[in-house]
Amino acid sequence: MTPTYSEGDNVLVSSLPLIFTKPKKGDVVVFEKFNRFYIKRIDKIEKGKYFLVGDNKKDSFDSRRFGSVKRGQVKAKVILKI
């Protein structure tokens, strides 16, 4: 997610916003894929699936490589960079 977030940055995340509202385009979310957690930005939402991209589009492991993720894989929303 460079340049917005870099390795080693601390971020505050919460699952509470996802209880009250659906994630929308532009939100930065935490999701689970391949038994790991990642932070990416929602680029598109189609039929309940989320296409997630990193801010460094030239070098990002994101939906362009692994495809869309289901709503259940989205675990939290990034609230604040600390």
N, C-alpha and C. Protein backbone atom coordinates (compact mmCIF):
# COMPACT_ATOMS: atom_id res chain seq x y z
N MET A 1 0.81 -1.20 0.00
CA MET A 1 0.00 0.00 0.00
C MET A 1 0.85 1.26 0.00
N THR A 2 2.13 1.11 -0.29
CA THR A 2 3.00 2.26 -0.42
C THR A 2 2.47 3.13 -1.56
N PRO A 3 2.38 4.40 -1.45
CA PRO A 3 2.97 5.28 -0.45
C PRO A 3 2.08 5.59 0.75
N THR A 4 0.81 5.18 0.73
CA THR A 4 -0.10 5.51 1.84
C THR A 4 0.33 4.81 3.13
N TYR A 5 0.60 3.52 3.04
CA TYR A 5 1.04 2.73 4.19
C TYR A 5 2.30 1.99 3.79
N SER A 6 3.25 1.95 4.72
CA SER A 6 4.50 1.23 4.47
C SER A 6 4.65 0.11 5.48
N GLU A 7 5.48 -0.87 5.14
CA GLU A 7 5.74 -1.96 6.06
C GLU A 7 6.26 -1.38 7.36
N GLY A 8 5.70 -1.84 8.46
CA GLY A 8 6.10 -1.34 9.78
C GLY A 8 5.21 -0.24 10.31
N ASP A 9 4.35 0.34 9.47
CA ASP A 9 3.40 1.34 9.96
C ASP A 9 2.41 0.68 10.91
N ASN A 10 1.97 1.44 11.88
CA ASN A 10 0.91 0.97 12.78
C ASN A 10 -0.40 1.58 12.33
N VAL A 11 -1.43 0.75 12.27
CA VAL A 11 -2.75 1.22 11.88
C VAL A 11 -3.78 0.72 12.87
N LEU A 12 -4.81 1.52 13.05
CA LEU A 12 -5.95 1.14 13.88
C LEU A 12 -7.02 0.60 12.96
N VAL A 13 -7.47 -0.62 13.21
CA VAL A 13 -8.52 -1.23 12.39
C VAL A 13 -9.68 -1.62 13.30
N SER A 14 -10.86 -1.71 12.70
CA SER A 14 -12.04 -2.09 13.46
C SER A 14 -13.02 -2.83 12.56
N SER A 15 -13.66 -3.83 13.12
CA SER A 15 -14.71 -4.53 12.38
C SER A 15 -16.08 -3.88 12.61
N LEU A 16 -16.18 -2.99 13.59
CA LEU A 16 -17.47 -2.34 13.89
C LEU A 16 -18.08 -1.58 12.71
N PRO A 17 -17.30 -0.81 11.94
CA PRO A 17 -17.93 -0.12 10.80
C PRO A 17 -18.57 -1.07 9.80
N LEU A 18 -18.08 -2.30 9.72
CA LEU A 18 -18.63 -3.26 8.76
C LEU A 18 -19.95 -3.85 9.24
N ILE A 19 -20.23 -3.70 10.53
CA ILE A 19 -21.51 -4.17 11.06
C ILE A 19 -22.62 -3.20 10.67
N PHE A 20 -22.31 -1.92 10.67
CA PHE A 20 -23.33 -0.90 10.45
C PHE A 20 -23.47 -0.44 8.99
N THR A 21 -22.39 -0.58 8.21
CA THR A 21 -22.44 -0.17 6.80
C THR A 21 -21.66 -1.15 5.95
N LYS A 22 -22.00 -1.21 4.69
CA LYS A 22 -21.26 -2.06 3.76
C LYS A 22 -19.99 -1.33 3.32
N PRO A 23 -18.92 -2.07 3.10
CA PRO A 23 -17.71 -1.43 2.58
C PRO A 23 -18.01 -0.80 1.22
N LYS A 24 -17.35 0.32 0.94
CA LYS A 24 -17.60 1.01 -0.33
C LYS A 24 -16.28 1.29 -1.04
N LYS A 25 -16.40 1.65 -2.30
CA LYS A 25 -15.23 1.96 -3.11
C LYS A 25 -14.39 3.03 -2.41
N GLY A 26 -13.09 2.81 -2.38
CA GLY A 26 -12.17 3.75 -1.74
C GLY A 26 -11.81 3.40 -0.31
N ASP A 27 -12.62 2.56 0.36
CA ASP A 27 -12.30 2.15 1.72
C ASP A 27 -11.04 1.29 1.71
N VAL A 28 -10.22 1.44 2.75
CA VAL A 28 -9.06 0.59 2.94
C VAL A 28 -9.47 -0.46 3.97
N VAL A 29 -9.34 -1.73 3.59
CA VAL A 29 -9.84 -2.80 4.43
C VAL A 29 -8.76 -3.86 4.69
N VAL A 30 -8.99 -4.61 5.74
CA VAL A 30 -8.17 -5.77 6.06
C VAL A 30 -8.97 -6.99 5.60
N PHE A 31 -8.32 -7.88 4.87
CA PHE A 31 -9.01 -9.09 4.42
C PHE A 31 -8.08 -10.28 4.56
N GLU A 32 -8.70 -11.46 4.56
CA GLU A 32 -7.93 -12.69 4.71
C GLU A 32 -7.92 -13.45 3.39
N LYS A 33 -6.73 -13.86 2.99
CA LYS A 33 -6.54 -14.63 1.77
C LYS A 33 -5.29 -15.48 1.97
N PHE A 34 -5.36 -16.74 1.61
CA PHE A 34 -4.23 -17.66 1.74
C PHE A 34 -3.72 -17.74 3.19
N ASN A 35 -4.65 -17.70 4.15
CA ASN A 35 -4.34 -17.79 5.58
C ASN A 35 -3.44 -16.65 6.08
N ARG A 36 -3.50 -15.51 5.40
CA ARG A 36 -2.77 -14.32 5.82
C ARG A 36 -3.70 -13.12 5.75
N PHE A 37 -3.35 -12.06 6.45
CA PHE A 37 -4.15 -10.83 6.41
C PHE A 37 -3.40 -9.78 5.59
N TYR A 38 -4.16 -9.06 4.79
CA TYR A 38 -3.61 -8.02 3.90
C TYR A 38 -4.43 -6.75 4.06
N ILE A 39 -3.83 -5.63 3.70
CA ILE A 39 -4.52 -4.34 3.66
C ILE A 39 -4.51 -3.86 2.22
N LYS A 40 -5.69 -3.59 1.68
CA LYS A 40 -5.83 -3.08 0.31
C LYS A 40 -7.02 -2.14 0.23
N ARG A 41 -7.08 -1.40 -0.85
CA ARG A 41 -8.16 -0.45 -1.08
C ARG A 41 -9.21 -1.08 -2.01
N ILE A 42 -10.48 -0.85 -1.71
CA ILE A 42 -11.55 -1.36 -2.57
C ILE A 42 -11.61 -0.51 -3.83
N ASP A 43 -11.49 -1.19 -4.97
CA ASP A 43 -11.53 -0.51 -6.26
C ASP A 43 -12.88 -0.68 -6.94
N LYS A 44 -13.45 -1.89 -6.85
CA LYS A 44 -14.75 -2.18 -7.47
C LYS A 44 -15.51 -3.16 -6.59
N ILE A 45 -16.83 -3.05 -6.66
CA ILE A 45 -17.70 -4.02 -5.99
C ILE A 45 -18.69 -4.52 -7.03
N GLU A 46 -18.66 -5.83 -7.26
CA GLU A 46 -19.56 -6.42 -8.24
C GLU A 46 -20.13 -7.72 -7.70
N LYS A 47 -21.45 -7.78 -7.60
CA LYS A 47 -22.15 -9.00 -7.18
C LYS A 47 -21.62 -9.55 -5.87
N GLY A 48 -21.40 -8.67 -4.89
CA GLY A 48 -20.95 -9.11 -3.58
C GLY A 48 -19.50 -9.48 -3.49
N LYS A 49 -18.75 -9.27 -4.54
CA LYS A 49 -17.31 -9.53 -4.51
C LYS A 49 -16.56 -8.21 -4.61
N TYR A 50 -15.42 -8.18 -3.95
CA TYR A 50 -14.63 -6.95 -3.86
C TYR A 50 -13.34 -7.11 -4.64
N PHE A 51 -13.08 -6.16 -5.52
CA PHE A 51 -11.83 -6.11 -6.27
C PHE A 51 -10.94 -5.14 -5.52
N LEU A 52 -9.85 -5.65 -4.96
CA LEU A 52 -8.98 -4.88 -4.07
C LEU A 52 -7.64 -4.61 -4.73
N VAL A 53 -7.16 -3.38 -4.60
CA VAL A 53 -5.88 -3.00 -5.20
C VAL A 53 -5.02 -2.28 -4.18
N GLY A 54 -3.71 -2.39 -4.39
CA GLY A 54 -2.76 -1.64 -3.59
C GLY A 54 -2.53 -0.28 -4.21
N ASP A 55 -2.07 0.67 -3.42
CA ASP A 55 -1.82 2.02 -3.93
C ASP A 55 -0.61 2.07 -4.86
N ASN A 56 0.31 1.13 -4.72
CA ASN A 56 1.46 1.05 -5.61
C ASN A 56 1.11 0.07 -6.73
N LYS A 57 0.41 0.56 -7.73
CA LYS A 57 -0.16 -0.30 -8.76
C LYS A 57 0.88 -1.05 -9.58
N LYS A 58 2.12 -0.55 -9.64
CA LYS A 58 3.17 -1.23 -10.41
C LYS A 58 3.69 -2.47 -9.70
N ASP A 59 3.61 -2.49 -8.38
CA ASP A 59 4.19 -3.60 -7.62
C ASP A 59 3.31 -3.94 -6.43
N SER A 60 2.14 -4.50 -6.70
CA SER A 60 1.22 -4.82 -5.62
C SER A 60 0.62 -6.21 -5.81
N PHE A 61 0.63 -6.99 -4.76
CA PHE A 61 -0.02 -8.29 -4.75
C PHE A 61 -1.47 -8.03 -4.39
N ASP A 62 -2.34 -7.99 -5.40
CA ASP A 62 -3.72 -7.60 -5.18
C ASP A 62 -4.66 -8.39 -6.09
N SER A 63 -5.89 -7.95 -6.22
CA SER A 63 -6.91 -8.68 -6.98
C SER A 63 -6.54 -8.88 -8.44
N ARG A 64 -5.63 -8.09 -8.96
CA ARG A 64 -5.19 -8.32 -10.33
C ARG A 64 -4.42 -9.62 -10.45
N ARG A 65 -3.90 -10.12 -9.32
CA ARG A 65 -3.18 -11.40 -9.31
C ARG A 65 -4.02 -12.54 -8.76
N PHE A 66 -4.77 -12.29 -7.68
CA PHE A 66 -5.49 -13.38 -7.02
C PHE A 66 -7.00 -13.31 -7.18
N GLY A 67 -7.53 -12.34 -7.89
CA GLY A 67 -8.97 -12.24 -8.12
C GLY A 67 -9.70 -11.53 -6.99
N SER A 68 -10.99 -11.43 -7.15
CA SER A 68 -11.83 -10.75 -6.17
C SER A 68 -11.94 -11.56 -4.89
N VAL A 69 -12.33 -10.89 -3.80
CA VAL A 69 -12.57 -11.58 -2.53
C VAL A 69 -14.04 -11.43 -2.16
N LYS A 70 -14.54 -12.40 -1.42
CA LYS A 70 -15.93 -12.38 -0.98
C LYS A 70 -16.07 -11.50 0.25
N ARG A 71 -17.28 -11.06 0.50
CA ARG A 71 -17.56 -10.18 1.64
C ARG A 71 -17.07 -10.80 2.95
N GLY A 72 -17.22 -12.11 3.10
CA GLY A 72 -16.81 -12.78 4.33
C GLY A 72 -15.32 -12.74 4.58
N GLN A 73 -14.54 -12.51 3.56
CA GLN A 73 -13.09 -12.42 3.71
C GLN A 73 -12.65 -11.04 4.19
N VAL A 74 -13.51 -10.04 4.05
CA VAL A 74 -13.20 -8.69 4.52
C VAL A 74 -13.47 -8.67 6.02
N LYS A 75 -12.43 -8.45 6.81
CA LYS A 75 -12.52 -8.59 8.26
C LYS A 75 -12.65 -7.27 9.01
N ALA A 76 -12.07 -6.20 8.49
CA ALA A 76 -12.06 -4.93 9.21
C ALA A 76 -11.79 -3.78 8.24
N LYS A 77 -12.02 -2.59 8.74
CA LYS A 77 -11.75 -1.37 7.99
C LYS A 77 -10.62 -0.62 8.70
N VAL A 78 -9.71 -0.08 7.92
CA VAL A 78 -8.63 0.73 8.50
C VAL A 78 -9.22 2.08 8.88
N ILE A 79 -9.06 2.44 10.13
CA ILE A 79 -9.62 3.67 10.67
C ILE A 79 -8.60 4.81 10.69
N LEU A 80 -7.36 4.46 11.06
CA LEU A 80 -6.37 5.51 11.31
C LEU A 80 -4.96 4.94 11.20
N LYS A 81 -4.07 5.73 10.60
CA LYS A 81 -2.65 5.41 10.60
C LYS A 81 -2.06 6.08 11.84
N ILE A 82 -1.39 5.30 12.68
CA ILE A 82 -0.87 5.83 13.95
C ILE A 82 0.59 6.20 13.79
